[in-house]
Structure formats: C-alpha cells, structure tokens
N, C-alpha and C. Protein backbone atom coordinates (compact mmCIF):
# COMPACT_ATOMS: atom_id res chain seq x y z
N MET A 1 104.58 96.18 127.79
CA MET A 1 105.69 95.81 128.88
C MET A 1 106.99 96.26 127.75
N THR A 2 107.62 96.62 129.19
CA THR A 2 109.13 96.92 128.15
C THR A 2 110.16 96.77 129.75
N GLU A 3 110.82 95.72 129.27
CA GLU A 3 112.45 95.50 130.17
C GLU A 3 113.67 95.85 129.65
N ARG A 4 114.33 96.15 130.40
CA ARG A 4 115.82 96.59 129.50
C ARG A 4 116.87 94.83 130.19
N THR A 5 118.10 94.63 129.24
CA THR A 5 118.41 93.44 129.93
C THR A 5 119.68 93.47 130.33
N ARG A 6 119.84 95.25 130.49
CA ARG A 6 120.83 95.33 131.37
C ARG A 6 120.72 96.71 132.21
N ALA A 7 121.71 97.04 133.28
CA ALA A 7 120.84 98.43 134.39
C ALA A 7 121.40 99.36 133.54
N PRO A 8 120.73 100.69 133.71
CA PRO A 8 121.65 101.87 132.60
C PRO A 8 122.53 102.61 133.43
N ASP A 9 123.10 102.11 134.67
CA ASP A 9 124.38 102.21 134.64
C ASP A 9 125.35 101.28 134.53
N GLN A 10 125.25 99.88 133.72
CA GLN A 10 126.41 99.11 133.42
C GLN A 10 126.38 99.12 132.11
N HIS A 11 125.55 100.21 131.26
CA HIS A 11 125.82 100.27 129.67
C HIS A 11 127.16 100.99 129.27
N ALA A 12 127.89 100.60 128.61
CA ALA A 12 128.29 100.91 127.97
C ALA A 12 128.18 101.86 126.91
N GLY A 13 128.30 103.01 127.02
CA GLY A 13 127.91 104.04 125.18
C GLY A 13 128.45 103.36 123.97
N ASP A 14 128.98 102.58 124.02
CA ASP A 14 129.47 101.94 122.56
C ASP A 14 128.54 100.27 122.01
N GLU A 15 127.77 100.12 123.07
CA GLU A 15 126.80 98.74 123.00
C GLU A 15 125.41 99.02 122.83
N ALA A 16 125.07 98.33 122.46
CA ALA A 16 123.47 98.13 121.84
C ALA A 16 122.92 98.04 122.98
N GLU A 17 121.64 98.41 123.59
CA GLU A 17 121.29 97.95 124.33
C GLU A 17 120.12 96.78 123.94
N THR A 18 119.80 96.06 124.69
CA THR A 18 118.42 95.05 124.47
C THR A 18 117.18 95.43 124.66
N PHE A 19 115.92 95.78 124.55
CA PHE A 19 114.79 96.31 124.95
C PHE A 19 113.71 94.93 124.79
N VAL A 20 112.56 94.82 125.90
CA VAL A 20 111.89 93.41 125.19
C VAL A 20 110.53 94.01 125.30
N TYR A 21 109.07 93.49 124.45
CA TYR A 21 108.30 94.22 124.18
C TYR A 21 107.58 93.35 123.88
N LEU A 22 105.96 92.96 124.52
CA LEU A 22 105.19 92.26 123.85
C LEU A 22 104.72 92.58 122.71
N CYS A 23 104.55 92.38 121.19
CA CYS A 23 103.20 92.65 120.43
C CYS A 23 102.21 92.45 120.25
N THR A 24 101.51 93.49 120.00
CA THR A 24 99.81 93.24 120.17
C THR A 24 99.96 93.40 118.18
N SER A 25 99.85 94.07 117.45
CA SER A 25 99.95 93.92 116.43
C SER A 25 99.35 92.49 115.74
N CYS A 26 99.05 91.29 116.30
CA CYS A 26 98.43 89.79 115.66
C CYS A 26 97.83 89.35 117.41
N PRO A 27 97.23 88.22 116.90
CA PRO A 27 96.81 87.88 117.37
C PRO A 27 98.11 86.75 118.37
N LEU A 28 99.02 86.63 118.07
CA LEU A 28 100.40 85.53 118.30
C LEU A 28 100.39 86.50 119.81
N GLY A 29 100.94 87.61 120.14
CA GLY A 29 101.41 88.12 121.04
C GLY A 29 103.09 87.80 120.95
N CYS A 30 103.92 88.17 119.89
CA CYS A 30 105.03 87.46 119.74
C CYS A 30 105.98 88.58 121.20
N ARG A 31 107.38 87.94 121.82
CA ARG A 31 108.30 88.76 122.57
C ARG A 31 108.98 88.93 121.92
N LEU A 32 109.10 90.26 121.13
CA LEU A 32 110.45 90.94 120.52
C LEU A 32 111.22 91.84 121.31
N GLU A 33 112.59 90.98 121.04
CA GLU A 33 113.59 92.16 121.50
C GLU A 33 114.03 92.79 120.41
N VAL A 34 114.18 94.20 121.17
CA VAL A 34 114.64 95.28 120.15
C VAL A 34 116.12 96.28 120.74
N ASP A 35 117.51 95.68 119.42
CA ASP A 35 118.54 96.56 119.53
C ASP A 35 118.28 97.61 119.26
N ALA A 36 119.12 98.48 120.33
CA ALA A 36 119.25 99.97 120.29
C ALA A 36 120.39 100.63 120.92
N MET A 37 120.84 101.70 119.93
CA MET A 37 122.19 102.46 120.24
C MET A 37 121.70 103.67 120.45
N ASP A 38 121.77 104.79 121.13
CA ASP A 38 121.57 106.20 121.12
C ASP A 38 120.17 106.39 120.58
N GLY A 39 119.35 105.49 121.19
CA GLY A 39 117.73 105.81 120.24
C GLY A 39 117.23 105.35 119.48
N ASP A 40 118.75 104.65 118.33
CA ASP A 40 118.27 104.73 117.17
C ASP A 40 117.89 102.42 116.67
N VAL A 41 117.12 102.39 116.22
CA VAL A 41 116.34 100.33 116.34
C VAL A 41 117.76 100.25 115.27
N ILE A 42 118.05 99.07 115.90
CA ILE A 42 118.88 98.30 114.73
C ILE A 42 118.95 97.46 114.60
N GLU A 43 118.12 96.49 115.61
CA GLU A 43 116.96 94.83 114.67
C GLU A 43 116.26 95.00 115.91
N VAL A 44 115.14 94.42 115.32
CA VAL A 44 114.06 93.88 115.97
C VAL A 44 114.07 92.30 115.57
N ARG A 45 114.21 91.51 116.59
CA ARG A 45 113.86 90.05 116.78
C ARG A 45 112.52 89.30 117.19
N GLY A 46 112.38 88.19 117.39
CA GLY A 46 111.48 87.45 117.31
C GLY A 46 109.92 87.74 117.05
N HIS A 47 110.04 88.60 115.98
CA HIS A 47 108.75 88.81 115.73
C HIS A 47 108.34 87.41 113.95
N SER A 48 107.34 86.79 114.38
CA SER A 48 106.49 85.93 113.08
C SER A 48 106.11 85.88 112.09
N CYS A 49 106.09 87.88 112.27
CA CYS A 49 105.69 88.79 111.00
C CYS A 49 105.71 89.86 110.56
N LYS A 50 105.84 90.42 109.32
CA LYS A 50 106.02 91.64 109.10
C LYS A 50 105.24 92.73 110.02
N ARG A 51 104.55 92.80 110.90
CA ARG A 51 104.05 93.93 111.43
C ARG A 51 104.72 93.85 112.77
N GLY A 52 105.30 92.73 113.05
CA GLY A 52 106.16 92.67 114.16
C GLY A 52 107.48 93.73 113.90
N ILE A 53 108.02 93.44 112.86
CA ILE A 53 109.43 94.57 112.68
C ILE A 53 108.54 96.07 112.96
N LYS A 54 107.64 96.22 112.53
CA LYS A 54 107.12 98.29 112.42
C LYS A 54 106.56 97.71 114.23
N TYR A 55 105.79 97.38 114.48
CA TYR A 55 105.14 97.32 115.97
C TYR A 55 106.56 97.89 116.89
N GLY A 56 108.03 97.19 116.29
CA GLY A 56 108.80 96.84 117.70
C GLY A 56 109.70 98.58 117.30
N THR A 57 110.13 99.19 115.95
CA THR A 57 110.48 99.79 115.72
C THR A 57 109.31 101.40 117.12
N GLN A 58 108.30 101.09 116.01
CA GLN A 58 107.80 102.18 116.92
C GLN A 58 107.66 102.68 118.12
N GLU A 59 106.92 100.66 118.44
CA GLU A 59 107.90 101.21 120.27
C GLU A 59 108.56 101.62 121.19
N HIS A 60 109.34 101.25 120.26
CA HIS A 60 110.81 102.18 120.68
C HIS A 60 111.07 103.21 120.87
N SER A 61 110.97 103.54 119.30
CA SER A 61 111.33 105.49 119.35
C SER A 61 110.47 106.14 119.36
N ASP A 62 108.56 105.63 118.62
CA ASP A 62 107.33 106.68 119.67
C ASP A 62 106.24 105.96 119.74
N PRO A 63 106.05 105.68 121.24
CA PRO A 63 104.73 104.41 121.77
C PRO A 63 104.03 105.11 121.39
N ARG A 64 102.58 104.89 120.77
CA ARG A 64 101.23 105.23 120.38
C ARG A 64 99.97 103.96 120.82
N ARG A 65 99.50 104.89 121.83
CA ARG A 65 97.66 103.40 122.14
C ARG A 65 96.69 104.32 121.43
N ALA A 66 95.63 103.36 121.13
CA ALA A 66 94.32 103.09 120.15
C ALA A 66 93.62 103.84 121.45
N VAL A 67 92.91 104.49 121.93
CA VAL A 67 92.07 105.29 122.62
C VAL A 67 90.86 105.31 122.14
N SER A 68 89.95 104.45 122.77
CA SER A 68 88.33 104.98 122.56
C SER A 68 88.05 104.97 124.53
N THR A 69 86.45 105.73 124.02
CA THR A 69 85.78 105.93 125.63
C THR A 69 84.54 106.32 125.14
N THR A 70 83.71 107.16 125.81
CA THR A 70 82.44 107.28 125.49
C THR A 70 82.30 109.35 126.22
N VAL A 71 81.68 109.77 125.49
CA VAL A 71 81.45 111.21 125.75
C VAL A 71 79.96 111.52 126.08
N TRP A 72 79.23 112.65 127.23
CA TRP A 72 78.09 112.90 127.40
C TRP A 72 77.53 112.99 125.91
N LEU A 73 76.28 112.71 125.77
CA LEU A 73 75.38 112.97 124.78
C LEU A 73 74.02 113.10 125.52
N HIS A 74 73.41 114.49 124.48
CA HIS A 74 72.50 115.08 125.04
C HIS A 74 71.27 114.86 123.73
N GLY A 75 69.80 114.90 124.19
CA GLY A 75 68.77 114.58 122.73
C GLY A 75 68.61 113.23 122.31
N GLY A 76 69.35 112.10 123.24
CA GLY A 76 69.42 111.16 122.21
C GLY A 76 69.37 110.31 122.48
N PRO A 77 68.99 108.49 122.40
CA PRO A 77 68.18 107.72 123.12
C PRO A 77 68.95 106.81 124.49
N CYS A 78 70.50 107.53 124.78
CA CYS A 78 71.07 107.09 125.68
C CYS A 78 72.17 108.00 126.07
N GLU A 79 72.53 107.78 127.24
CA GLU A 79 73.51 109.11 127.77
C GLU A 79 74.52 109.19 126.98
N ARG A 80 75.70 108.31 126.53
CA ARG A 80 76.99 108.52 126.38
C ARG A 80 76.78 107.93 124.86
N LEU A 81 77.78 108.79 124.31
CA LEU A 81 78.74 108.02 123.20
C LEU A 81 79.71 107.26 123.00
N PRO A 82 79.50 106.33 122.16
CA PRO A 82 81.19 106.14 121.78
C PRO A 82 81.81 106.93 121.10
N VAL A 83 83.12 106.37 121.17
CA VAL A 83 84.73 107.85 120.57
C VAL A 83 85.60 106.95 120.85
N ARG A 84 86.27 107.15 119.19
CA ARG A 84 88.06 107.06 119.42
C ARG A 84 88.54 108.23 118.57
N ALA A 85 89.89 107.81 119.24
CA ALA A 85 90.40 108.63 118.69
C ALA A 85 90.91 108.45 117.22
N ALA A 86 91.19 109.20 116.48
CA ALA A 86 91.08 108.87 114.58
C ALA A 86 92.12 108.71 114.69
N GLU A 87 93.32 108.89 115.18
CA GLU A 87 94.54 107.93 114.91
C GLU A 87 95.25 107.72 116.30
N PRO A 88 96.49 106.69 116.76
CA PRO A 88 96.83 106.40 117.75
C PRO A 88 97.77 107.59 118.09
N VAL A 89 97.04 107.72 119.70
CA VAL A 89 97.82 108.85 120.12
C VAL A 89 99.69 108.56 121.13
N PRO A 90 99.67 109.58 121.00
CA PRO A 90 101.46 109.57 121.89
C PRO A 90 101.35 109.02 123.26
N LYS A 91 102.30 108.05 123.75
CA LYS A 91 101.30 107.51 124.99
C LYS A 91 101.65 108.30 126.31
N ALA A 92 102.45 109.67 126.53
CA ALA A 92 102.76 110.35 127.38
C ALA A 92 101.63 111.11 127.32
N GLN A 93 101.15 111.14 126.28
CA GLN A 93 99.92 112.27 126.29
C GLN A 93 98.18 111.81 126.49
N VAL A 94 98.34 110.19 126.64
CA VAL A 94 97.04 109.71 126.45
C VAL A 94 96.33 110.30 127.58
N ARG A 95 96.33 110.43 129.42
CA ARG A 95 95.69 110.83 129.77
C ARG A 95 95.36 112.32 129.89
N GLU A 96 96.12 113.00 129.00
CA GLU A 96 95.44 114.60 129.61
C GLU A 96 94.54 114.32 127.88
N PHE A 97 94.75 113.49 127.04
CA PHE A 97 94.02 113.55 125.51
C PHE A 97 92.42 112.92 126.49
N VAL A 98 92.58 112.20 127.44
CA VAL A 98 91.35 111.53 127.55
C VAL A 98 90.28 112.49 128.57
N ARG A 99 91.20 113.11 130.11
CA ARG A 99 91.18 114.12 130.39
C ARG A 99 90.62 115.23 129.68
N SER A 100 90.87 115.45 128.80
CA SER A 100 90.11 116.86 128.45
C SER A 100 88.65 116.85 127.35
N LEU A 101 88.37 115.52 127.69
CA LEU A 101 87.16 115.18 127.02
C LEU A 101 86.07 115.04 128.21
N SER A 102 86.57 115.04 129.38
CA SER A 102 85.28 114.60 130.55
C SER A 102 83.54 115.83 130.23
N GLY A 103 84.37 116.93 130.12
CA GLY A 103 82.88 118.44 129.99
C GLY A 103 82.51 118.06 128.62
N LEU A 104 82.94 117.53 127.57
CA LEU A 104 82.67 117.61 126.43
C LEU A 104 80.94 116.90 126.31
N VAL A 105 80.14 117.39 126.19
CA VAL A 105 78.69 117.42 125.55
C VAL A 105 78.25 117.13 124.24
N VAL A 106 77.94 115.93 123.62
CA VAL A 106 77.84 116.29 121.77
C VAL A 106 76.47 115.89 121.77
N GLU A 107 75.88 116.64 120.76
CA GLU A 107 73.66 117.09 120.68
C GLU A 107 73.52 116.20 119.40
N ALA A 108 72.68 114.93 119.35
CA ALA A 108 72.17 114.21 118.83
C ALA A 108 71.18 114.88 117.48
N PRO A 109 71.59 114.84 116.40
CA PRO A 109 71.67 113.27 115.82
C PRO A 109 73.45 113.75 116.01
N VAL A 110 73.59 111.98 115.34
CA VAL A 110 75.46 112.03 114.95
C VAL A 110 75.30 110.97 114.26
N ALA A 111 76.26 111.48 113.19
CA ALA A 111 76.58 110.41 112.51
C ALA A 111 77.93 109.65 112.49
N PHE A 112 77.77 108.49 111.91
CA PHE A 112 78.37 107.62 112.72
C PHE A 112 79.95 108.13 111.62
N GLY A 113 81.66 108.21 112.28
CA GLY A 113 82.36 108.92 111.58
C GLY A 113 82.23 110.13 111.77
N ALA A 114 81.80 111.09 112.36
CA ALA A 114 81.67 112.56 112.27
C ALA A 114 82.30 112.83 113.44
N VAL A 115 83.50 113.77 112.78
CA VAL A 115 84.18 114.36 113.79
C VAL A 115 84.14 114.85 114.51
N LEU A 116 84.17 114.87 116.46
CA LEU A 116 83.31 115.46 117.64
C LEU A 116 84.44 116.75 117.89
N ALA A 117 85.70 116.14 117.57
CA ALA A 117 86.18 117.60 118.55
C ALA A 117 87.34 117.36 117.40
N THR A 118 88.26 118.93 116.85
CA THR A 118 89.79 118.68 116.45
C THR A 118 90.76 119.03 117.65
N ASP A 119 91.91 118.14 117.06
CA ASP A 119 93.62 118.42 118.02
C ASP A 119 93.03 118.82 119.35
N VAL A 120 92.94 117.55 119.51
CA VAL A 120 92.01 117.35 120.95
C VAL A 120 93.10 117.24 122.16
N ALA A 121 93.20 117.64 122.89
CA ALA A 121 95.03 118.24 124.03
C ALA A 121 95.59 118.23 123.48
N GLY A 122 95.56 119.62 122.33
CA GLY A 122 97.01 119.97 121.57
C GLY A 122 97.86 118.56 120.89
N THR A 123 97.04 117.66 120.36
CA THR A 123 97.78 116.45 120.08
C THR A 123 97.59 116.59 118.22
N GLY A 124 97.37 117.31 118.03
CA GLY A 124 96.53 116.83 116.56
C GLY A 124 95.33 116.34 116.10
N ILE A 125 95.61 115.56 117.04
CA ILE A 125 94.29 114.29 116.37
C ILE A 125 92.55 114.53 116.64
N ASP A 126 92.06 113.67 115.92
CA ASP A 126 90.17 114.40 115.90
C ASP A 126 89.97 113.34 117.10
N LEU A 127 88.79 113.55 117.19
CA LEU A 127 87.65 112.79 117.69
C LEU A 127 86.78 112.77 116.73
N ILE A 128 86.83 111.15 117.24
CA ILE A 128 85.46 110.64 116.52
C ILE A 128 84.27 109.76 117.14
N ALA A 129 83.15 109.69 116.21
CA ALA A 129 81.61 109.23 116.74
C ALA A 129 81.95 107.77 115.76
N THR A 130 81.78 106.63 116.77
CA THR A 130 82.03 105.06 116.77
C THR A 130 80.75 104.76 116.48
N ARG A 131 79.62 105.55 116.80
CA ARG A 131 78.40 105.18 116.10
C ARG A 131 77.07 106.38 115.83
N GLU A 132 76.02 106.40 114.83
CA GLU A 132 75.21 106.47 114.87
C GLU A 132 74.07 107.21 115.74
N ILE A 133 73.72 108.09 115.60
CA ILE A 133 72.68 108.38 117.62
C ILE A 133 71.92 109.24 115.74
N VAL A 134 69.79 109.04 116.57
CA VAL A 134 69.04 109.20 115.95
C VAL A 134 68.98 110.36 117.13
N ALA A 135 68.18 111.44 116.91
CA ALA A 135 67.92 112.47 117.64
C ALA A 135 66.79 111.32 118.28
N GLU A 136 66.27 111.59 119.22
CA GLU A 136 64.99 111.53 120.38
C GLU A 136 63.67 111.69 119.06
N ARG A 137 63.35 112.66 118.76
CA ARG A 137 62.43 113.69 118.66
C ARG A 137 62.34 112.95 116.42
N GLU A 138 63.37 112.46 116.58
CA GLU A 138 63.66 111.78 114.73
C GLU A 138 63.28 110.09 114.99
N ARG A 139 63.13 109.54 116.22
CA ARG A 139 63.06 108.61 116.01
C ARG A 139 61.19 108.18 115.68
N GLU A 140 61.27 107.20 114.64
CA GLU A 140 60.75 106.48 114.48
C GLU A 140 59.71 105.67 115.33
N PRO A 141 58.43 105.60 115.41
CA PRO A 141 57.92 104.70 116.98
C PRO A 141 57.07 103.41 115.99
N VAL A 142 57.58 102.72 117.49
CA VAL A 142 58.05 101.23 117.07
C VAL A 142 55.75 100.98 116.87
N GLY A 143 56.05 99.90 116.20
CA GLY A 143 54.77 99.14 115.84
C GLY A 143 53.69 99.46 115.30
C-alpha cells in the first residue's frame, strides 16, 4: 500500500513529500508515514517498534518481496516441490523471477535448503528447497 498525501503536480521541489505504507514487519501492522525529499528518506513516523523504521525506509527506497512457490518434481512422492527465494526479491522483478521458474523440473532426492537454481532471472538471488524429498526408490516400505 502506497499513497501520496499530495498530487505530484502540486509538489514543490523544496518540500518533503509524505508517503504512507502499511508495515508488515510484525503483527501490529502500523500505518507508516515516510517523509522523503528527492528520493531520500527524511523521517519515518507511526511505527510501534524499531523494525518499522527499517521497513519504511526500505519500502520507500528499494521495495522487496519474499517469494515462495512450487516447482515440478520428478521421481518423488509428489509432483510439486515447495521452494523460496534465498532473500527478498526487488518488487519490480518478482513476476520475472517467478515466470523464469515455470519450466524448472527438480529430480528427487532433494535436501531441505538445497540450492536449486542460482541467479534466478538475473537477480543474483538463489532458489532454495523448503522441504526434504526422498526419491521414490529410496522410500522405506511401511509396515
């Protein structure tokens, strides 16, 4: 969520502009007001914890998103493997990041935390497995 308190055409170059964000760093969900001038954050207001200051500054200057999804799995007990980006992805590149995974097929077995792809979509961010998968032939019989 982003809103400007003043329309861009009404903004004077020497005044700070206020942007509003909803903080997602903790369960409180504070309404942050970020004052910025020429792209530089001057002040963050409305936070109830220290994480709010960091979140507001980051969200204004370089918004990023956590990405988790699934990819195809071959040779395992299920068809899809849950995965996530090793670190938050720049917001503008999230769609391309996920789109680049559409043809990825991972072969079982897979260790939890295994790096499955590096530099996904040119972001410099790796893709990691979030579940351990044993290959079908390695599974122990039940009973």
